[in-house]
PDB file of N, CA and C in Angstrom:
ATOM      1  N   MET A   1      84.937 109.878 108.021  1.00  0.00           N
ATOM      2  CA  MET A   1      85.588 108.193 107.968  1.00  0.00           C
ATOM      3  C   MET A   1      86.616 108.221 108.010  1.00  0.00           C
ATOM      4  N   GLN A   2      88.043 108.157 108.603  1.00  0.00           N
ATOM      5  CA  GLN A   2      88.977 107.839 109.111  1.00  0.00           C
ATOM      6  C   GLN A   2      89.525 106.588 108.826  1.00  0.00           C
ATOM      7  N   ASN A   3      90.982 106.046 107.972  1.00  0.00           N
ATOM      8  CA  ASN A   3      91.422 105.228 107.858  1.00  0.00           C
ATOM      9  C   ASN A   3      92.789 105.680 108.431  1.00  0.00           C
ATOM     10  N   GLN A   4      92.741 104.297 108.757  1.00  0.00           N
ATOM     11  CA  GLN A   4      94.968 103.905 109.388  1.00  0.00           C
ATOM     12  C   GLN A   4      94.848 102.882 109.440  1.00  0.00           C
ATOM     13  N   PHE A   5      96.506 103.159 108.984  1.00  0.00           N
ATOM     14  CA  PHE A   5      97.048 101.658 108.273  1.00  0.00           C
ATOM     15  C   PHE A   5      97.496 100.798 109.271  1.00  0.00           C
ATOM     16  N   SER A   6      96.735  99.465 109.073  1.00  0.00           N
ATOM     17  CA  SER A   6      97.447  98.808 110.509  1.00  0.00           C
ATOM     18  C   SER A   6      98.393  97.594 110.408  1.00  0.00           C
ATOM     19  N   THR A   7      99.360  97.232 110.605  1.00  0.00           N
ATOM     20  CA  THR A   7     100.390  96.764 109.834  1.00  0.00           C
ATOM     21  C   THR A   7      99.582  95.247 109.677  1.00  0.00           C
ATOM     22  N   PRO A   8      99.579  94.448 108.506  1.00  0.00           N
ATOM     23  CA  PRO A   8      99.259  93.074 109.059  1.00  0.00           C
ATOM     24  C   PRO A   8      99.991  91.876 108.991  1.00  0.00           C
ATOM     25  N   THR A   9      99.636  90.830 109.645  1.00  0.00           N
ATOM     26  CA  THR A   9     100.156  89.657 110.404  1.00  0.00           C
ATOM     27  C   THR A   9     101.079  89.563 109.211  1.00  0.00           C
ATOM     28  N   PRO A  10     101.693  88.878 109.919  1.00  0.00           N
ATOM     29  CA  PRO A  10     103.235  87.495 109.094  1.00  0.00           C
ATOM     30  C   PRO A  10     102.241  87.023 107.421  1.00  0.00           C
ATOM     31  N   GLU A  11     101.563  86.116 108.222  1.00  0.00           N
ATOM     32  CA  GLU A  11     100.813  85.198 107.270  1.00  0.00           C
ATOM     33  C   GLU A  11      99.779  86.135 106.381  1.00  0.00           C
ATOM     34  N   SER A  12      99.443  87.298 106.953  1.00  0.00           N
ATOM     35  CA  SER A  12      98.774  88.352 105.758  1.00  0.00           C
ATOM     36  C   SER A  12      99.588  88.655 104.791  1.00  0.00           C
ATOM     37  N   ARG A  13     101.208  89.236 105.318  1.00  0.00           N
ATOM     38  CA  ARG A  13     101.729  89.599 104.600  1.00  0.00           C
ATOM     39  C   ARG A  13     102.380  88.913 103.391  1.00  0.00           C
ATOM     40  N   ARG A  14     102.595  87.728 103.711  1.00  0.00           N
ATOM     41  CA  ARG A  14     103.121  86.905 102.923  1.00  0.00           C
ATOM     42  C   ARG A  14     101.905  86.570 101.191  1.00  0.00           C
ATOM     43  N   SER A  15     101.115  86.449 101.581  1.00  0.00           N
ATOM     44  CA  SER A  15      99.528  86.530 101.101  1.00  0.00           C
ATOM     45  C   SER A  15      98.831  87.764 100.274  1.00  0.00           C
ATOM     46  N   ILE A  16      99.062  88.302 100.534  1.00  0.00           N
ATOM     47  CA  ILE A  16      99.456  90.046  99.741  1.00  0.00           C
ATOM     48  C   ILE A  16     100.586  90.095  98.779  1.00  0.00           C
ATOM     49  N   LEU A  17     101.689  89.674  99.437  1.00  0.00           N
ATOM     50  CA  LEU A  17     103.391  89.882  98.791  1.00  0.00           C
ATOM     51  C   LEU A  17     102.851  89.388  97.230  1.00  0.00           C
ATOM     52  N   ALA A  18     102.653  87.773  97.698  1.00  0.00           N
ATOM     53  CA  ALA A  18     101.898  86.939  96.578  1.00  0.00           C
ATOM     54  C   ALA A  18     101.742  87.064  95.434  1.00  0.00           C
ATOM     55  N   GLU A  19     100.610  87.946  95.849  1.00  0.00           N
ATOM     56  CA  GLU A  19      99.059  88.106  95.288  1.00  0.00           C
ATOM     57  C   GLU A  19      99.898  89.124  94.048  1.00  0.00           C
ATOM     58  N   TYR A  20     101.351  89.715  94.903  1.00  0.00           N
ATOM     59  CA  TYR A  20     101.614  91.081  93.316  1.00  0.00           C
ATOM     60  C   TYR A  20     102.661  90.444  93.018  1.00  0.00           C
ATOM     61  N   GLY A  21     103.449  89.465  93.350  1.00  0.00           N
ATOM     62  CA  GLY A  21     103.826  88.680  92.898  1.00  0.00           C
ATOM     63  C   GLY A  21     105.419  88.682  92.633  1.00  0.00           C
ATOM     64  N   GLU A  22     105.866  89.007  94.425  1.00  0.00           N
ATOM     65  CA  GLU A  22     106.654  89.646  94.963  1.00  0.00           C
ATOM     66  C   GLU A  22     106.658  88.094  95.929  1.00  0.00           C
ATOM     67  N   GLN A  23     108.230  88.226  96.229  1.00  0.00           N
ATOM     68  CA  GLN A  23     108.720  86.784  96.966  1.00  0.00           C
ATOM     69  C   GLN A  23     109.438  87.279  98.243  1.00  0.00           C
ATOM     70  N   TYR A  24     109.429  88.894  98.956  1.00  0.00           N
ATOM     71  CA  TYR A  24     109.826  88.932 100.221  1.00  0.00           C
ATOM     72  C   TYR A  24     109.645  90.531 100.074  1.00  0.00           C
ATOM     73  N   ASP A  25     109.152  91.312 101.279  1.00  0.00           N
ATOM     74  CA  ASP A  25     109.589  92.769 101.664  1.00  0.00           C
ATOM     75  C   ASP A  25     110.554  93.873 101.697  1.00  0.00           C
ATOM     76  N   ARG A  26     110.412  94.906 100.714  1.00  0.00           N
ATOM     77  CA  ARG A  26     111.710  95.470 100.504  1.00  0.00           C
ATOM     78  C   ARG A  26     111.743  96.830  99.894  1.00  0.00           C
ATOM     79  N   LEU A  27     112.235  97.492 100.466  1.00  0.00           N
ATOM     80  CA  LEU A  27     111.945  98.981 100.723  1.00  0.00           C
ATOM     81  C   LEU A  27     111.851  99.521  98.907  1.00  0.00           C
ATOM     82  N   ILE A  28     111.402 100.177  98.577  1.00  0.00           N
ATOM     83  CA  ILE A  28     111.088 100.703  97.073  1.00  0.00           C
ATOM     84  C   ILE A  28     111.217 102.158  96.133  1.00  0.00           C
ATOM     85  N   ARG A  29     111.623 102.559  95.708  1.00  0.00           N
ATOM     86  CA  ARG A  29     112.117 104.243  94.845  1.00  0.00           C
ATOM     87  C   ARG A  29     110.142 104.782  94.808  1.00  0.00           C
ATOM     88  N   GLU A  30     110.297 105.330  94.515  1.00  0.00           N
ATOM     89  CA  GLU A  30     109.332 106.527  94.603  1.00  0.00           C
ATOM     90  C   GLU A  30     108.607 106.325  93.229  1.00  0.00           C
ATOM     91  N   LYS A  31     109.491 106.293  91.827  1.00  0.00           N
ATOM     92  CA  LYS A  31     108.520 105.505  90.954  1.00  0.00           C
ATOM     93  C   LYS A  31     108.035 104.219  90.879  1.00  0.00           C
ATOM     94  N   GLU A  32     109.059 103.077  91.508  1.00  0.00           N
ATOM     95  CA  GLU A  32     107.833 102.102  91.721  1.00  0.00           C
ATOM     96  C   GLU A  32     106.650 102.084  92.915  1.00  0.00           C
ATOM     97  N   ARG A  33     106.953 103.089  93.367  1.00  0.00           N
ATOM     98  CA  ARG A  33     105.396 103.077  94.841  1.00  0.00           C
ATOM     99  C   ARG A  33     104.439 103.437  93.250  1.00  0.00           C
ATOM    100  N   GLN A  34     104.759 104.999  92.987  1.00  0.00           N
ATOM    101  CA  GLN A  34     103.987 104.793  92.519  1.00  0.00           C
ATOM    102  C   GLN A  34     102.574 104.227  91.310  1.00  0.00           C
ATOM    103  N   ARG A  35     103.756 103.001  91.002  1.00  0.00           N
ATOM    104  CA  ARG A  35     103.284 102.058  89.486  1.00  0.00           C
ATOM    105  C   ARG A  35     102.398 101.378  90.873  1.00  0.00           C
ATOM    106  N   ILE A  36     102.832 100.825  91.955  1.00  0.00           N
ATOM    107  CA  ILE A  36     101.721 100.185  92.389  1.00  0.00           C
ATOM    108  C   ILE A  36     101.056 100.728  93.456  1.00  0.00           C
ATOM    109  N   THR A  37     100.958 101.591  93.673  1.00  0.00           N
ATOM    110  CA  THR A  37      99.323 101.991  94.428  1.00  0.00           C
ATOM    111  C   THR A  37      98.712 103.189  93.248  1.00  0.00           C
ATOM    112  N   SER A  38      99.311 103.261  92.479  1.00  0.00           N
ATOM    113  CA  SER A  38      98.711 104.348  91.305  1.00  0.00           C
ATOM    114  C   SER A  38      97.891 105.539  92.244  1.00  0.00           C
ATOM    115  N   ILE A  39      98.775 106.471  93.407  1.00  0.00           N
ATOM    116  CA  ILE A  39      98.426 107.373  93.697  1.00  0.00           C
ATOM    117  C   ILE A  39      99.871 108.337  93.678  1.00  0.00           C
ATOM    118  N   SER A  40      99.394 109.658  93.542  1.00  0.00           N
ATOM    119  CA  SER A  40     100.305 110.280  93.502  1.00  0.00           C
ATOM    120  C   SER A  40     101.578 110.965  94.780  1.00  0.00           C
ATOM    121  N   ARG A  41     102.218 111.426  94.596  1.00  0.00           N
ATOM    122  CA  ARG A  41     103.470 111.637  95.122  1.00  0.00           C
ATOM    123  C   ARG A  41     102.827 112.434  96.452  1.00  0.00           C
ATOM    124  N   THR A  42     102.103 113.095  96.007  1.00  0.00           N
ATOM    125  CA  THR A  42     101.488 114.505  96.826  1.00  0.00           C
ATOM    126  C   THR A  42     100.354 113.591  97.950  1.00  0.00           C
ATOM    127  N   THR A  43      99.334 113.369  97.099  1.00  0.00           N
ATOM    128  CA  THR A  43      98.201 112.597  97.735  1.00  0.00           C
ATOM    129  C   THR A  43      99.047 111.513  99.076  1.00  0.00           C
ATOM    130  N   ALA A  44     100.163 110.556  98.871  1.00  0.00           N
ATOM    131  CA  ALA A  44     100.911 109.652  99.032  1.00  0.00           C
ATOM    132  C   ALA A  44     101.536 110.508 100.719  1.00  0.00           C
ATOM    133  N   TYR A  45     102.036 111.079 100.266  1.00  0.00           N
ATOM    134  CA  TYR A  45     102.186 111.766 101.836  1.00  0.00           C
ATOM    135  C   TYR A  45     100.822 112.675 102.147  1.00  0.00           C
ATOM    136  N   THR A  46      99.854 113.094 102.063  1.00  0.00           N
ATOM    137  CA  THR A  46      98.988 113.677 102.634  1.00  0.00           C
ATOM    138  C   THR A  46      98.676 112.170 103.297  1.00  0.00           C
ATOM    139  N   LEU A  47      98.663 111.608 102.623  1.00  0.00           N
ATOM    140  CA  LEU A  47      98.024 109.924 103.771  1.00  0.00           C
ATOM    141  C   LEU A  47      98.964 109.409 104.884  1.00  0.00           C
ATOM    142  N   GLU A  48     100.005 109.899 104.390  1.00  0.00           N
ATOM    143  CA  GLU A  48     101.786 109.084 105.691  1.00  0.00           C
ATOM    144  C   GLU A  48     101.071 109.924 106.475  1.00  0.00           C
ATOM    145  N   LYS A  49     101.077 111.486 106.721  1.00  0.00           N
ATOM    146  CA  LYS A  49     101.060 112.216 107.435  1.00  0.00           C
ATOM    147  C   LYS A  49      99.629 111.639 108.771  1.00  0.00           C
ATOM    148  N   ARG A  50      98.722 110.994 107.829  1.00  0.00           N
ATOM    149  CA  ARG A  50      97.211 111.147 108.296  1.00  0.00           C
ATOM    150  C   ARG A  50      97.290 109.679 109.085  1.00  0.00           C
ATOM    151  N   ARG A  51      98.080 109.156 108.834  1.00  0.00           N
ATOM    152  CA  ARG A  51      99.163 107.698 109.147  1.00  0.00           C
ATOM    153  C   ARG A  51      97.522 106.626 108.968  1.00  0.00           C
ATOM    154  N   ALA A  52      97.069 106.909 106.776  1.00  0.00           N
ATOM    155  CA  ALA A  52      96.351 106.001 106.684  1.00  0.00           C
ATOM    156  C   ALA A  52      97.102 105.432 105.343  1.00  0.00           C
ATOM    157  N   PHE A  53      98.743 105.423 105.447  1.00  0.00           N
ATOM    158  CA  PHE A  53      99.265 104.978 104.181  1.00  0.00           C
ATOM    159  C   PHE A  53     100.740 104.185 105.390  1.00  0.00           C
ATOM    160  N   PRO A  54     101.207 103.254 104.466  1.00  0.00           N
ATOM    161  CA  PRO A  54     102.238 103.196 105.240  1.00  0.00           C
ATOM    162  C   PRO A  54     103.659 103.885 105.071  1.00  0.00           C
ATOM    163  N   TYR A  55     104.863 104.453 106.264  1.00  0.00           N
ATOM    164  CA  TYR A  55     104.939 105.730 106.600  1.00  0.00           C
ATOM    165  C   TYR A  55     106.764 104.691 106.622  1.00  0.00           C
ATOM    166  N   ALA A  56     107.533 105.262 106.264  1.00  0.00           N
ATOM    167  CA  ALA A  56     109.107 104.609 106.893  1.00  0.00           C
ATOM    168  C   ALA A  56     109.192 105.125 108.071  1.00  0.00           C
TER     169      ALA A  56
END
C-alpha cells in the first residue's frame, strides 16, 4: 500500500491548523517539524521522496 500526500482544501487546512493551535500556515525549522510529527529526519526524507509527506 502506498500513501500519497494530497493537499487539503482550504477549509480542511484551517480545521487541521486549529486542532494544533496554529493560526496560520507557515514554514517551520527541522527541530519543530520533528516535535510536531514525531518522525526522524531520515523517515521524513524517505516519505518526501515517495511523495507521502509534504515537501517544499
